[in-house]
Amino acid sequence: MVDQYDKEAGLIHVLVERHNTQRLPRAMSLKEKVERGELLTDFDVNFITEISSGMNQIIPLIRHRPECQKMATEMLNLCTEIAEKALLNERQQ
């Protein structure tokens, strides 16, 4: 039988893989987009919102894993940076 630790380790592996292959590249693309002065689409805004709410859901899982906490904090900071720049771009239109 798989114990709770093994389940959590497997889930964390999947989350890290998704972060590295999907979420981080997409977020970096959005950062480049807003740095060029472009506006975010509704799809882009939904992506940022999904990341923020998703992070709230995994807090109990990463509570005792500093490396995951660092990754989550960096992603939230990146999303905040994107959102702030996107808002500035909106105001300048």
C-alpha atoms as a PDB file:
ATOM      1  CA  MET A   1       0.000   0.000   0.000  1.00  0.00           C
ATOM      2  CA  VAL A   2       1.246   3.476  -0.854  1.00  0.00           C
ATOM      3  CA  ASP A   3       1.637   5.654   2.196  1.00  0.00           C
ATOM      4  CA  GLN A   4       0.773   9.343   2.437  1.00  0.00           C
ATOM      5  CA  TYR A   5       4.394  10.438   2.022  1.00  0.00           C
ATOM      6  CA  ASP A   6       4.712   8.535  -1.267  1.00  0.00           C
ATOM      7  CA  LYS A   7       1.459  10.060  -2.538  1.00  0.00           C
ATOM      8  CA  GLU A   8       2.638  13.556  -1.645  1.00  0.00           C
ATOM      9  CA  ALA A   9       6.053  12.945  -3.215  1.00  0.00           C
ATOM     10  CA  GLY A  10       4.390  11.775  -6.424  1.00  0.00           C
ATOM     11  CA  LEU A  11       2.068  14.765  -6.499  1.00  0.00           C
ATOM     12  CA  ILE A  12       4.927  17.167  -5.882  1.00  0.00           C
ATOM     13  CA  HIS A  13       6.873  15.550  -8.724  1.00  0.00           C
ATOM     14  CA  VAL A  14       3.947  16.147 -11.078  1.00  0.00           C
ATOM     15  CA  LEU A  15       3.526  19.746  -9.873  1.00  0.00           C
ATOM     16  CA  VAL A  16       7.222  20.525 -10.349  1.00  0.00           C
ATOM     17  CA  GLU A  17       7.172  18.964 -13.809  1.00  0.00           C
ATOM     18  CA  ARG A  18       4.104  21.026 -14.778  1.00  0.00           C
ATOM     19  CA  HIS A  19       5.758  24.140 -13.397  1.00  0.00           C
ATOM     20  CA  ASN A  20       8.940  23.584 -15.387  1.00  0.00           C
ATOM     21  CA  THR A  21       7.387  22.528 -18.684  1.00  0.00           C
ATOM     22  CA  GLN A  22       4.151  24.520 -18.814  1.00  0.00           C
ATOM     23  CA  ARG A  23       3.570  27.234 -16.271  1.00  0.00           C
ATOM     24  CA  LEU A  24       6.986  28.868 -16.039  1.00  0.00           C
ATOM     25  CA  PRO A  25       7.499  29.061 -19.829  1.00  0.00           C
ATOM     26  CA  ARG A  26       4.003  30.528 -20.280  1.00  0.00           C
ATOM     27  CA  ALA A  27       4.531  33.041 -17.466  1.00  0.00           C
ATOM     28  CA  MET A  28       7.887  34.095 -18.935  1.00  0.00           C
ATOM     29  CA  SER A  29       6.185  34.572 -22.292  1.00  0.00           C
ATOM     30  CA  LEU A  30       3.569  36.793 -20.660  1.00  0.00           C
ATOM     31  CA  LYS A  31       6.289  38.776 -18.919  1.00  0.00           C
ATOM     32  CA  GLU A  32       7.952  39.431 -22.266  1.00  0.00           C
ATOM     33  CA  LYS A  33       4.571  40.404 -23.720  1.00  0.00           C
ATOM     34  CA  VAL A  34       3.825  43.030 -21.083  1.00  0.00           C
ATOM     35  CA  GLU A  35       7.400  44.311 -21.155  1.00  0.00           C
ATOM     36  CA  ARG A  36       6.830  45.087 -24.857  1.00  0.00           C
ATOM     37  CA  GLY A  37       3.845  47.188 -23.775  1.00  0.00           C
ATOM     38  CA  GLU A  38       1.242  44.726 -25.017  1.00  0.00           C
ATOM     39  CA  LEU A  39      -2.036  44.055 -23.235  1.00  0.00           C
ATOM     40  CA  LEU A  40      -3.048  40.741 -21.750  1.00  0.00           C
ATOM     41  CA  THR A  41      -5.948  38.843 -23.253  1.00  0.00           C
ATOM     42  CA  ASP A  42      -8.724  37.334 -21.149  1.00  0.00           C
ATOM     43  CA  PHE A  43      -6.984  33.985 -21.648  1.00  0.00           C
ATOM     44  CA  ASP A  44      -3.751  35.441 -20.256  1.00  0.00           C
ATOM     45  CA  VAL A  45      -5.525  36.935 -17.241  1.00  0.00           C
ATOM     46  CA  ASN A  46      -7.233  33.608 -16.561  1.00  0.00           C
ATOM     47  CA  PHE A  47      -3.848  31.885 -16.616  1.00  0.00           C
ATOM     48  CA  ILE A  48      -2.433  34.306 -14.031  1.00  0.00           C
ATOM     49  CA  THR A  49      -5.554  33.920 -11.870  1.00  0.00           C
ATOM     50  CA  GLU A  50      -5.370  30.129 -12.121  1.00  0.00           C
ATOM     51  CA  ILE A  51      -1.776  30.132 -10.935  1.00  0.00           C
ATOM     52  CA  SER A  52      -2.572  32.342  -7.957  1.00  0.00           C
ATOM     53  CA  SER A  53      -5.524  30.263  -6.818  1.00  0.00           C
ATOM     54  CA  GLY A  54      -3.623  27.041  -7.495  1.00  0.00           C
ATOM     55  CA  MET A  55      -0.812  28.146  -5.228  1.00  0.00           C
ATOM     56  CA  ASN A  56      -3.288  28.607  -2.377  1.00  0.00           C
ATOM     57  CA  GLN A  57      -4.404  25.016  -2.820  1.00  0.00           C
ATOM     58  CA  ILE A  58      -0.908  23.530  -2.608  1.00  0.00           C
ATOM     59  CA  ILE A  59       0.278  25.425   0.470  1.00  0.00           C
ATOM     60  CA  PRO A  60      -0.464  22.504   2.829  1.00  0.00           C
ATOM     61  CA  LEU A  61       1.440  20.164   0.513  1.00  0.00           C
ATOM     62  CA  ILE A  62       4.598  22.281   0.299  1.00  0.00           C
ATOM     63  CA  ARG A  63       4.608  23.532   3.876  1.00  0.00           C
ATOM     64  CA  HIS A  64       7.572  21.328   4.839  1.00  0.00           C
ATOM     65  CA  ARG A  65       9.426  21.469   1.529  1.00  0.00           C
ATOM     66  CA  PRO A  66      11.578  24.608   1.306  1.00  0.00           C
ATOM     67  CA  GLU A  67      12.581  23.983  -2.317  1.00  0.00           C
ATOM     68  CA  CYS A  68       8.915  23.910  -3.339  1.00  0.00           C
ATOM     69  CA  GLN A  69       8.149  26.979  -1.243  1.00  0.00           C
ATOM     70  CA  LYS A  70      10.901  28.861  -3.074  1.00  0.00           C
ATOM     71  CA  MET A  71       9.517  27.797  -6.451  1.00  0.00           C
ATOM     72  CA  ALA A  72       5.981  28.809  -5.468  1.00  0.00           C
ATOM     73  CA  THR A  73       7.122  32.165  -4.097  1.00  0.00           C
ATOM     74  CA  GLU A  74       9.093  32.930  -7.245  1.00  0.00           C
ATOM     75  CA  MET A  75       6.094  32.063  -9.429  1.00  0.00           C
ATOM     76  CA  LEU A  76       3.757  34.247  -7.375  1.00  0.00           C
ATOM     77  CA  ASN A  77       6.243  37.115  -7.559  1.00  0.00           C
ATOM     78  CA  LEU A  78       6.494  36.677 -11.320  1.00  0.00           C
ATOM     79  CA  CYS A  79       2.707  36.702 -11.665  1.00  0.00           C
ATOM     80  CA  THR A  80       2.503  39.833  -9.522  1.00  0.00           C
ATOM     81  CA  GLU A  81       5.122  41.511 -11.679  1.00  0.00           C
ATOM     82  CA  ILE A  82       3.198  40.556 -14.837  1.00  0.00           C
ATOM     83  CA  ALA A  83      -0.099  41.794 -13.408  1.00  0.00           C
ATOM     84  CA  GLU A  84       1.376  45.118 -12.291  1.00  0.00           C
ATOM     85  CA  LYS A  85       3.003  45.756 -15.660  1.00  0.00           C
ATOM     86  CA  ALA A  86      -0.177  44.705 -17.484  1.00  0.00           C
ATOM     87  CA  LEU A  87      -2.184  47.189 -15.420  1.00  0.00           C
ATOM     88  CA  LEU A  88       0.292  49.933 -16.250  1.00  0.00           C
ATOM     89  CA  ASN A  89       0.003  49.037 -19.943  1.00  0.00           C
ATOM     90  CA  GLU A  90      -3.785  49.227 -19.705  1.00  0.00           C
ATOM     91  CA  ARG A  91      -3.618  52.672 -18.142  1.00  0.00           C
ATOM     92  CA  GLN A  92      -1.298  53.921 -20.878  1.00  0.00           C
ATOM     93  CA  GLN A  93      -3.653  52.889 -23.678  1.00  0.00           C
END
